[in-house]
C-alpha atoms as a PDB file:
ATOM      1  CA  UNK A   1     142.100 -85.518 -16.764  1.00  0.00           C
ATOM      2  CA  UNK A   2     139.243 -83.377 -15.440  1.00  0.00           C
ATOM      3  CA  UNK A   3     138.448 -82.704 -12.009  1.00  0.00           C
ATOM      4  CA  UNK A   4     135.065 -82.401 -10.849  1.00  0.00           C
ATOM      5  CA  UNK A   5     135.345 -79.658  -7.646  1.00  0.00           C
ATOM      6  CA  UNK A   6     132.874 -81.343  -4.483  1.00  0.00           C
ATOM      7  CA  UNK A   7     133.663 -77.601  -2.974  1.00  0.00           C
ATOM      8  CA  UNK A   8     134.905 -78.972  -0.022  1.00  0.00           C
ATOM      9  CA  UNK A   9     137.815 -77.930   0.378  1.00  0.00           C
ATOM     10  CA  UNK A  10     139.971 -80.165   2.610  1.00  0.00           C
ATOM     11  CA  UNK A  11     138.386 -83.279   0.559  1.00  0.00           C
ATOM     12  CA  UNK A  12     139.034 -81.805  -2.789  1.00  0.00           C
ATOM     13  CA  UNK A  13     142.795 -80.976  -1.259  1.00  0.00           C
ATOM     14  CA  UNK A  14     142.920 -85.089  -0.447  1.00  0.00           C
ATOM     15  CA  UNK A  15     141.719 -85.348  -4.364  1.00  0.00           C
ATOM     16  CA  UNK A  16     144.500 -83.689  -5.629  1.00  0.00           C
ATOM     17  CA  UNK A  17     142.068 -81.183  -7.177  1.00  0.00           C
ATOM     18  CA  UNK A  18     138.948 -83.126  -6.839  1.00  0.00           C
ATOM     19  CA  UNK A  19     136.952 -86.267  -8.420  1.00  0.00           C
ATOM     20  CA  UNK A  20     137.864 -87.469 -12.154  1.00  0.00           C
ATOM     21  CA  UNK A  21     135.754 -86.340 -14.843  1.00  0.00           C
ATOM     22  CA  UNK A  22     132.597 -89.778 -14.925  1.00  0.00           C
ATOM     23  CA  UNK A  23     133.926 -91.748 -11.582  1.00  0.00           C
ATOM     24  CA  UNK A  24     131.412 -93.112 -10.101  1.00  0.00           C
ATOM     25  CA  UNK A  25     132.173 -93.298  -6.064  1.00  0.00           C
ATOM     26  CA  UNK A  26     131.248 -94.899  -3.008  1.00  0.00           C
ATOM     27  CA  UNK A  27     131.156 -92.979   0.207  1.00  0.00           C
ATOM     28  CA  UNK A  28     130.571 -95.498   2.609  1.00  0.00           C
ATOM     29  CA  UNK A  29     130.157 -95.501   6.815  1.00  0.00           C
ATOM     30  CA  UNK A  30     127.834 -96.025   9.680  1.00  0.00           C
ATOM     31  CA  UNK A  31     124.824 -93.648  10.832  1.00  0.00           C
ATOM     32  CA  UNK A  32     125.593 -90.447  11.496  1.00  0.00           C
ATOM     33  CA  UNK A  33     128.810 -90.017  10.345  1.00  0.00           C
ATOM     34  CA  UNK A  34     127.315 -87.447   7.279  1.00  0.00           C
ATOM     35  CA  UNK A  35     127.084 -89.447   4.063  1.00  0.00           C
ATOM     36  CA  UNK A  36     123.654 -87.670   2.761  1.00  0.00           C
ATOM     37  CA  UNK A  37     125.214 -84.451   4.013  1.00  0.00           C
ATOM     38  CA  UNK A  38     128.250 -84.902   1.916  1.00  0.00           C
ATOM     39  CA  UNK A  39     126.771 -86.044  -0.611  1.00  0.00           C
ATOM     40  CA  UNK A  40     123.767 -82.563  -0.843  1.00  0.00           C
ATOM     41  CA  UNK A  41     126.947 -80.564  -0.599  1.00  0.00           C
ATOM     42  CA  UNK A  42     128.491 -81.625  -3.201  1.00  0.00           C
ATOM     43  CA  UNK A  43     125.614 -80.766  -5.294  1.00  0.00           C
ATOM     44  CA  UNK A  44     125.099 -78.009  -3.587  1.00  0.00           C
ATOM     45  CA  UNK A  45     128.153 -76.240  -4.091  1.00  0.00           C
ATOM     46  CA  UNK A  46     127.968 -77.483  -7.715  1.00  0.00           C
ATOM     47  CA  UNK A  47     125.090 -75.226  -8.274  1.00  0.00           C
ATOM     48  CA  UNK A  48     125.579 -72.496  -6.292  1.00  0.00           C
ATOM     49  CA  UNK A  49     129.904 -71.936  -6.524  1.00  0.00           C
ATOM     50  CA  UNK A  50     130.171 -74.013 -10.394  1.00  0.00           C
ATOM     51  CA  UNK A  51     126.438 -73.487 -11.938  1.00  0.00           C
ATOM     52  CA  UNK A  52     126.528 -77.179 -12.476  1.00  0.00           C
ATOM     53  CA  UNK A  53     123.475 -79.652 -12.213  1.00  0.00           C
ATOM     54  CA  UNK A  54     122.862 -81.838  -9.569  1.00  0.00           C
ATOM     55  CA  UNK A  55     120.624 -84.751  -9.499  1.00  0.00           C
ATOM     56  CA  UNK A  56     120.363 -86.022  -6.063  1.00  0.00           C
ATOM     57  CA  UNK A  57     118.430 -89.828  -6.601  1.00  0.00           C
ATOM     58  CA  UNK A  58     116.970 -90.921  -2.918  1.00  0.00           C
ATOM     59  CA  UNK A  59     115.751 -94.309  -1.241  1.00  0.00           C
ATOM     60  CA  UNK A  60     115.281 -93.099   1.832  1.00  0.00           C
ATOM     61  CA  UNK A  61     114.901 -89.565   2.206  1.00  0.00           C
ATOM     62  CA  UNK A  62     111.971 -87.609   1.501  1.00  0.00           C
ATOM     63  CA  UNK A  63     111.916 -84.774  -0.944  1.00  0.00           C
ATOM     64  CA  UNK A  64     110.852 -82.854   2.204  1.00  0.00           C
ATOM     65  CA  UNK A  65     112.972 -84.840   4.757  1.00  0.00           C
ATOM     66  CA  UNK A  66     116.042 -83.575   2.699  1.00  0.00           C
ATOM     67  CA  UNK A  67     115.026 -80.116   2.183  1.00  0.00           C
ATOM     68  CA  UNK A  68     114.711 -79.898   6.347  1.00  0.00           C
ATOM     69  CA  UNK A  69     118.023 -81.487   6.256  1.00  0.00           C
ATOM     70  CA  UNK A  70     118.917 -79.231   4.322  1.00  0.00           C
ATOM     71  CA  UNK A  71     117.992 -76.556   5.809  1.00  0.00           C
ATOM     72  CA  UNK A  72     119.891 -76.635   9.007  1.00  0.00           C
ATOM     73  CA  UNK A  73     122.619 -75.802   7.340  1.00  0.00           C
ATOM     74  CA  UNK A  74     121.680 -72.697   5.549  1.00  0.00           C
ATOM     75  CA  UNK A  75     120.561 -74.423   2.233  1.00  0.00           C
ATOM     76  CA  UNK A  76     117.570 -73.201   0.246  1.00  0.00           C
ATOM     77  CA  UNK A  77     117.369 -76.283  -2.267  1.00  0.00           C
ATOM     78  CA  UNK A  78     113.716 -75.312  -3.366  1.00  0.00           C
ATOM     79  CA  UNK A  79     115.597 -71.910  -4.821  1.00  0.00           C
ATOM     80  CA  UNK A  80     118.035 -73.943  -6.470  1.00  0.00           C
ATOM     81  CA  UNK A  81     114.930 -76.556  -7.643  1.00  0.00           C
ATOM     82  CA  UNK A  82     112.966 -72.915  -8.995  1.00  0.00           C
ATOM     83  CA  UNK A  83     116.286 -72.014 -10.868  1.00  0.00           C
ATOM     84  CA  UNK A  84     116.756 -75.568 -12.366  1.00  0.00           C
ATOM     85  CA  UNK A  85     120.100 -76.952 -10.855  1.00  0.00           C
ATOM     86  CA  UNK A  86     118.604 -79.312  -8.155  1.00  0.00           C
ATOM     87  CA  UNK A  87     115.986 -81.855  -8.683  1.00  0.00           C
ATOM     88  CA  UNK A  88     115.269 -84.267  -6.186  1.00  0.00           C
ATOM     89  CA  UNK A  89     114.128 -87.551  -7.267  1.00  0.00           C
ATOM     90  CA  UNK A  90     112.293 -90.302  -4.230  1.00  0.00           C
ATOM     91  CA  UNK A  91     111.928 -93.412  -4.701  1.00  0.00           C
ATOM     92  CA  UNK A  92     109.506 -95.487  -1.901  1.00  0.00           C
ATOM     93  CA  UNK A  93     111.704 -98.895  -2.353  1.00  0.00           C
ATOM     94  CA  UNK A  94     108.342-100.779  -1.105  1.00  0.00           C
ATOM     95  CA  UNK A  95     106.231-101.317  -4.407  1.00  0.00           C
ATOM     96  CA  UNK A  96     108.284 -99.720  -7.033  1.00  0.00           C
ATOM     97  CA  UNK A  97     109.887-101.552  -9.958  1.00  0.00           C
ATOM     98  CA  UNK A  98     111.814-100.782 -13.320  1.00  0.00           C
ATOM     99  CA  UNK A  99     114.316 -98.204 -11.199  1.00  0.00           C
ATOM    100  CA  UNK A 100     116.980 -98.437 -13.154  1.00  0.00           C
ATOM    101  CA  UNK A 101     114.756 -97.146 -15.689  1.00  0.00           C
ATOM    102  CA  UNK A 102     113.537 -94.314 -13.743  1.00  0.00           C
ATOM    103  CA  UNK A 103     116.625 -93.614 -12.804  1.00  0.00           C
ATOM    104  CA  UNK A 104     118.299 -93.184 -16.238  1.00  0.00           C
ATOM    105  CA  UNK A 105     114.814 -91.440 -17.122  1.00  0.00           C
ATOM    106  CA  UNK A 106     115.303 -88.849 -14.284  1.00  0.00           C
ATOM    107  CA  UNK A 107     118.578 -88.340 -16.150  1.00  0.00           C
ATOM    108  CA  UNK A 108     118.231 -87.791 -19.613  1.00  0.00           C
ATOM    109  CA  UNK A 109     115.153 -85.550 -18.643  1.00  0.00           C
ATOM    110  CA  UNK A 110     117.283 -83.587 -16.354  1.00  0.00           C
ATOM    111  CA  UNK A 111     120.880 -83.728 -17.611  1.00  0.00           C
ATOM    112  CA  UNK A 112     122.594 -83.320 -14.756  1.00  0.00           C
ATOM    113  CA  UNK A 113     126.327 -82.589 -14.428  1.00  0.00           C
ATOM    114  CA  UNK A 114     126.457 -84.610 -10.704  1.00  0.00           C
ATOM    115  CA  UNK A 115     124.376 -87.371  -9.488  1.00  0.00           C
ATOM    116  CA  UNK A 116     124.003 -88.785  -6.766  1.00  0.00           C
ATOM    117  CA  UNK A 117     122.024 -91.632  -4.984  1.00  0.00           C
ATOM    118  CA  UNK A 118     121.457 -92.033  -1.761  1.00  0.00           C
ATOM    119  CA  UNK A 119     121.211 -95.132  -0.834  1.00  0.00           C
ATOM    120  CA  UNK A 120     122.633 -98.396  -2.625  1.00  0.00           C
ATOM    121  CA  UNK A 121     122.270-100.242   0.390  1.00  0.00           C
ATOM    122  CA  UNK A 122     118.498 -99.656   0.116  1.00  0.00           C
ATOM    123  CA  UNK A 123     118.723 -99.707  -3.610  1.00  0.00           C
ATOM    124  CA  UNK A 124     120.467-103.554  -3.329  1.00  0.00           C
ATOM    125  CA  UNK A 125     118.114-104.383  -1.164  1.00  0.00           C
ATOM    126  CA  UNK A 126     114.859-103.776  -2.878  1.00  0.00           C
ATOM    127  CA  UNK A 127     116.340-104.991  -6.174  1.00  0.00           C
ATOM    128  CA  UNK A 128     116.880-108.149  -4.601  1.00  0.00           C
ATOM    129  CA  UNK A 129     113.248-108.290  -3.834  1.00  0.00           C
ATOM    130  CA  UNK A 130     112.229-107.212  -7.156  1.00  0.00           C
ATOM    131  CA  UNK A 131     114.216-109.589  -8.666  1.00  0.00           C
ATOM    132  CA  UNK A 132     112.587-112.779  -7.093  1.00  0.00           C
ATOM    133  CA  UNK A 133     109.296-112.375  -8.822  1.00  0.00           C
ATOM    134  CA  UNK A 134     111.675-112.591 -11.897  1.00  0.00           C
ATOM    135  CA  UNK A 135     111.682-115.962 -13.537  1.00  0.00           C
ATOM    136  CA  UNK A 136     115.565-115.080 -14.772  1.00  0.00           C
ATOM    137  CA  UNK A 137     116.484-114.127 -11.109  1.00  0.00           C
ATOM    138  CA  UNK A 138     114.640-117.591 -10.234  1.00  0.00           C
ATOM    139  CA  UNK A 139     117.174-119.489 -12.740  1.00  0.00           C
ATOM    140  CA  UNK A 140     119.935-117.850 -12.144  1.00  0.00           C
ATOM    141  CA  UNK A 141     119.266-119.202  -8.178  1.00  0.00           C
ATOM    142  CA  UNK A 142     118.604-122.265  -9.112  1.00  0.00           C
ATOM    143  CA  UNK A 143     122.135-122.482 -11.011  1.00  0.00           C
ATOM    144  CA  UNK A 144     123.483-121.010  -8.174  1.00  0.00           C
ATOM    145  CA  UNK A 145     122.184-123.797  -5.432  1.00  0.00           C
ATOM    146  CA  UNK A 146     123.089-126.608  -7.983  1.00  0.00           C
ATOM    147  CA  UNK A 147     127.126-126.213  -8.108  1.00  0.00           C
ATOM    148  CA  UNK A 148     127.794-124.435  -4.891  1.00  0.00           C
ATOM    149  CA  UNK A 149     127.705-126.804  -1.309  1.00  0.00           C
ATOM    150  CA  UNK A 150     126.951-123.635   0.324  1.00  0.00           C
ATOM    151  CA  UNK A 151     124.559-121.689  -1.111  1.00  0.00           C
ATOM    152  CA  UNK A 152     125.322-118.442  -2.314  1.00  0.00           C
ATOM    153  CA  UNK A 153     122.867-117.043  -4.095  1.00  0.00           C
ATOM    154  CA  UNK A 154     121.878-113.866  -2.503  1.00  0.00           C
ATOM    155  CA  UNK A 155     125.426-112.536  -3.510  1.00  0.00           C
ATOM    156  CA  UNK A 156     125.368-113.617  -6.747  1.00  0.00           C
ATOM    157  CA  UNK A 157     122.060-111.973  -7.370  1.00  0.00           C
ATOM    158  CA  UNK A 158     123.250-108.965  -5.904  1.00  0.00           C
ATOM    159  CA  UNK A 159     126.553-108.858  -7.898  1.00  0.00           C
ATOM    160  CA  UNK A 160     124.753-109.241 -10.949  1.00  0.00           C
ATOM    161  CA  UNK A 161     122.225-106.424 -10.327  1.00  0.00           C
ATOM    162  CA  UNK A 162     125.203-103.839  -9.075  1.00  0.00           C
ATOM    163  CA  UNK A 163     126.641-104.848 -12.157  1.00  0.00           C
ATOM    164  CA  UNK A 164     124.071-103.920 -14.326  1.00  0.00           C
ATOM    165  CA  UNK A 165     123.277-100.585 -11.685  1.00  0.00           C
ATOM    166  CA  UNK A 166     126.611 -99.528 -13.200  1.00  0.00           C
ATOM    167  CA  UNK A 167     126.519-100.188 -16.636  1.00  0.00           C
ATOM    168  CA  UNK A 168     123.968 -97.926 -16.229  1.00  0.00           C
ATOM    169  CA  UNK A 169     126.160 -95.350 -14.616  1.00  0.00           C
ATOM    170  CA  UNK A 170     128.478 -95.636 -17.342  1.00  0.00           C
ATOM    171  CA  UNK A 171     126.316 -94.045 -19.995  1.00  0.00           C
ATOM    172  CA  UNK A 172     125.440 -91.015 -17.920  1.00  0.00           C
ATOM    173  CA  UNK A 173     127.972 -87.690 -18.438  1.00  0.00           C
ATOM    174  CA  UNK A 174     127.994 -87.169 -15.083  1.00  0.00           C
ATOM    175  CA  UNK A 175     130.664 -87.515 -11.849  1.00  0.00           C
ATOM    176  CA  UNK A 176     128.561 -90.163  -9.328  1.00  0.00           C
ATOM    177  CA  UNK A 177     128.191 -90.682  -5.843  1.00  0.00           C
ATOM    178  CA  UNK A 178     127.093 -93.684  -4.717  1.00  0.00           C
ATOM    179  CA  UNK A 179     126.197 -94.442  -0.835  1.00  0.00           C
ATOM    180  CA  UNK A 180     126.268 -97.316   1.376  1.00  0.00           C
ATOM    181  CA  UNK A 181     126.109 -98.320   5.423  1.00  0.00           C
ATOM    182  CA  UNK A 182     129.048 -99.902   6.498  1.00  0.00           C
ATOM    183  CA  UNK A 183     128.383-101.916   9.802  1.00  0.00           C
ATOM    184  CA  UNK A 184     131.480-102.383  12.432  1.00  0.00           C
ATOM    185  CA  UNK A 185     131.317-105.824  11.870  1.00  0.00           C
ATOM    186  CA  UNK A 186     131.571-105.775   7.677  1.00  0.00           C
ATOM    187  CA  UNK A 187     134.688-107.179   6.276  1.00  0.00           C
ATOM    188  CA  UNK A 188     134.332-104.818   3.408  1.00  0.00           C
ATOM    189  CA  UNK A 189     134.026-100.897   2.325  1.00  0.00           C
ATOM    190  CA  UNK A 190     130.258-101.279   1.480  1.00  0.00           C
ATOM    191  CA  UNK A 191     127.224-103.307   3.029  1.00  0.00           C
ATOM    192  CA  UNK A 192     127.306-105.185   0.183  1.00  0.00           C
ATOM    193  CA  UNK A 193     130.798-106.519   0.059  1.00  0.00           C
ATOM    194  CA  UNK A 194     131.113-106.000  -3.461  1.00  0.00           C
ATOM    195  CA  UNK A 195     130.493-102.171  -4.382  1.00  0.00           C
ATOM    196  CA  UNK A 196     133.860-101.003  -3.730  1.00  0.00           C
ATOM    197  CA  UNK A 197     135.055-103.598  -6.277  1.00  0.00           C
ATOM    198  CA  UNK A 198     133.146-101.991  -9.061  1.00  0.00           C
ATOM    199  CA  UNK A 199     133.104 -97.986  -8.365  1.00  0.00           C
ATOM    200  CA  UNK A 200     136.080 -96.245  -9.443  1.00  0.00           C
ATOM    201  CA  UNK A 201     136.846 -94.668  -6.013  1.00  0.00           C
ATOM    202  CA  UNK A 202     135.693 -95.585  -1.923  1.00  0.00           C
ATOM    203  CA  UNK A 203     135.499 -92.582   0.459  1.00  0.00           C
ATOM    204  CA  UNK A 204     135.527 -94.156   4.356  1.00  0.00           C
ATOM    205  CA  UNK A 205     133.703 -92.011   6.694  1.00  0.00           C
ATOM    206  CA  UNK A 206     133.874 -92.999  10.650  1.00  0.00           C
ATOM    207  CA  UNK A 207     132.594 -91.547  13.308  1.00  0.00           C
ATOM    208  CA  UNK A 208     134.214 -91.956  17.225  1.00  0.00           C
ATOM    209  CA  UNK A 209     131.688 -90.802  20.048  1.00  0.00           C
ATOM    210  CA  UNK A 210     133.832 -91.057  23.799  1.00  0.00           C
ATOM    211  CA  UNK A 211     132.319 -89.680  26.969  1.00  0.00           C
ATOM    212  CA  UNK A 212     130.059 -87.162  25.155  1.00  0.00           C
ATOM    213  CA  UNK A 213     133.318 -86.225  22.168  1.00  0.00           C
ATOM    214  CA  UNK A 214     132.816 -86.664  19.005  1.00  0.00           C
ATOM    215  CA  UNK A 215     135.475 -87.767  16.670  1.00  0.00           C
ATOM    216  CA  UNK A 216     134.975 -88.234  12.699  1.00  0.00           C
ATOM    217  CA  UNK A 217     137.926 -89.400  10.496  1.00  0.00           C
ATOM    218  CA  UNK A 218     137.319 -90.241   6.482  1.00  0.00           C
ATOM    219  CA  UNK A 219     140.070 -91.088   4.400  1.00  0.00           C
ATOM    220  CA  UNK A 220     140.274 -91.695   0.706  1.00  0.00           C
ATOM    221  CA  UNK A 221     140.184 -95.463   0.076  1.00  0.00           C
ATOM    222  CA  UNK A 222     141.005 -95.537  -3.599  1.00  0.00           C
ATOM    223  CA  UNK A 223     140.462 -92.842  -6.323  1.00  0.00           C
ATOM    224  CA  UNK A 224     141.218 -94.379  -9.867  1.00  0.00           C
ATOM    225  CA  UNK A 225     142.949 -91.781 -12.587  1.00  0.00           C
ATOM    226  CA  UNK A 226     144.365 -89.372  -9.055  1.00  0.00           C
ATOM    227  CA  UNK A 227     146.798 -89.136  -6.505  1.00  0.00           C
ATOM    228  CA  UNK A 228     145.602 -88.674  -3.527  1.00  0.00           C
ATOM    229  CA  UNK A 229     146.119 -88.100   0.539  1.00  0.00           C
ATOM    230  CA  UNK A 230     145.830 -92.211   1.988  1.00  0.00           C
ATOM    231  CA  UNK A 231     145.513 -90.982   5.433  1.00  0.00           C
ATOM    232  CA  UNK A 232     142.722 -90.700   8.049  1.00  0.00           C
ATOM    233  CA  UNK A 233     141.868 -86.584   7.435  1.00  0.00           C
ATOM    234  CA  UNK A 234     139.736 -85.356  10.655  1.00  0.00           C
ATOM    235  CA  UNK A 235     136.217 -83.617   9.355  1.00  0.00           C
ATOM    236  CA  UNK A 236     133.383 -81.966  11.623  1.00  0.00           C
ATOM    237  CA  UNK A 237     129.870 -81.314  10.529  1.00  0.00           C
ATOM    238  CA  UNK A 238     128.932 -77.102  11.089  1.00  0.00           C
ATOM    239  CA  UNK A 239     125.468 -75.272  11.573  1.00  0.00           C
ATOM    240  CA  UNK A 240     125.888 -73.284   8.529  1.00  0.00           C
ATOM    241  CA  UNK A 241     129.283 -74.566   6.445  1.00  0.00           C
ATOM    242  CA  UNK A 242     128.323 -78.395   6.395  1.00  0.00           C
ATOM    243  CA  UNK A 243     131.160 -80.777   6.175  1.00  0.00           C
ATOM    244  CA  UNK A 244     134.674 -79.031   6.808  1.00  0.00           C
ATOM    245  CA  UNK A 245     137.674 -81.079   5.627  1.00  0.00           C
ATOM    246  CA  UNK A 246     140.746 -80.488   8.072  1.00  0.00           C
ATOM    247  CA  UNK A 247     143.430 -82.550   5.419  1.00  0.00           C
ATOM    248  CA  UNK A 248     146.175 -79.942   6.652  1.00  0.00           C
ATOM    249  CA  UNK A 249     145.710 -82.339  10.210  1.00  0.00           C
ATOM    250  CA  UNK A 250     146.530 -85.726   8.094  1.00  0.00           C
ATOM    251  CA  UNK A 251     147.122 -88.589   9.993  1.00  0.00           C
ATOM    252  CA  UNK A 252     148.444 -92.263   9.791  1.00  0.00           C
ATOM    253  CA  UNK A 253     146.979 -94.063  12.188  1.00  0.00           C
ATOM    254  CA  UNK A 254     145.232 -97.654  12.320  1.00  0.00           C
ATOM    255  CA  UNK A 255     141.368 -97.572  12.959  1.00  0.00           C
ATOM    256  CA  UNK A 256     139.269-100.665  13.091  1.00  0.00           C
END
C-alpha cells in the first residue's frame, strides 16, 4: 500500500514508512501537546518536500493566528499559499451552518492530497448545536429518550453526526488528519469517545511538566493497513524544526 510521509522522520519510521494512503487519522492530546503544530508540519512538509497540496480546515484558530504560529517555526505559509500548495479555511463555529457541504466544497475547489481538520472537538460541538434546530435531530432525541431509561441523546446524535462526517471524508482522494482534545479524566481516546473507533488510525500525544522540565511522548495507538511501533516515543518541540520524534528512544512504559 502507498504511504504518505509526514516528513517527520521519527514518526514516519514509527509508522513503517508513513501513513497509509487515504487513511483518516485522529491525533488526540491535551492542551500544549502540539497537535496543531504536528498538523501544520504535516502540510508544510507535504508541500515543500513532496510537492503535495494541503488543506487546513480550522474551527478554532483564524488564518492570521495560524500564520503567526507557523512563523515561529520558520514556516512561511503565505508563500505556500501563493504557490497554490496550501489553503487555509477558517470556519467560525458560531453562526455557521452546513459544515459538511462547506468542507466538501473546499476540497473539490482545491483538490488537495493532504487534509487537516482542527479541531474535531469544536466541530462536533457545533454540529450538536446546529442539529438541535433540525426536525430530524429532534425526532432522534425523542426516540432515544423513549427507549433508554437514562437519556444518552447527545452521544447518540454525536455518533450519527460523526459517521456522516466520516462518510463525507471517505469521498476525498486524500490522507486526512483530525485533532481532538484529550482530557486527563477521559476514558476514551477523544473528547467524544467515538472518533477513535471510526478513524483508521489514532496517535496519542502526551505532555507532562515536572519542576520546570518538559516531558513529551506520543504513541501510535492504532493504524490500519500498517505495522507500526506501539511503544511510547519521546518527542520535542523546537523553534526551527517544529516537532522532532525520537523513535530510537522508544520505551514500553505505563502512562496514565
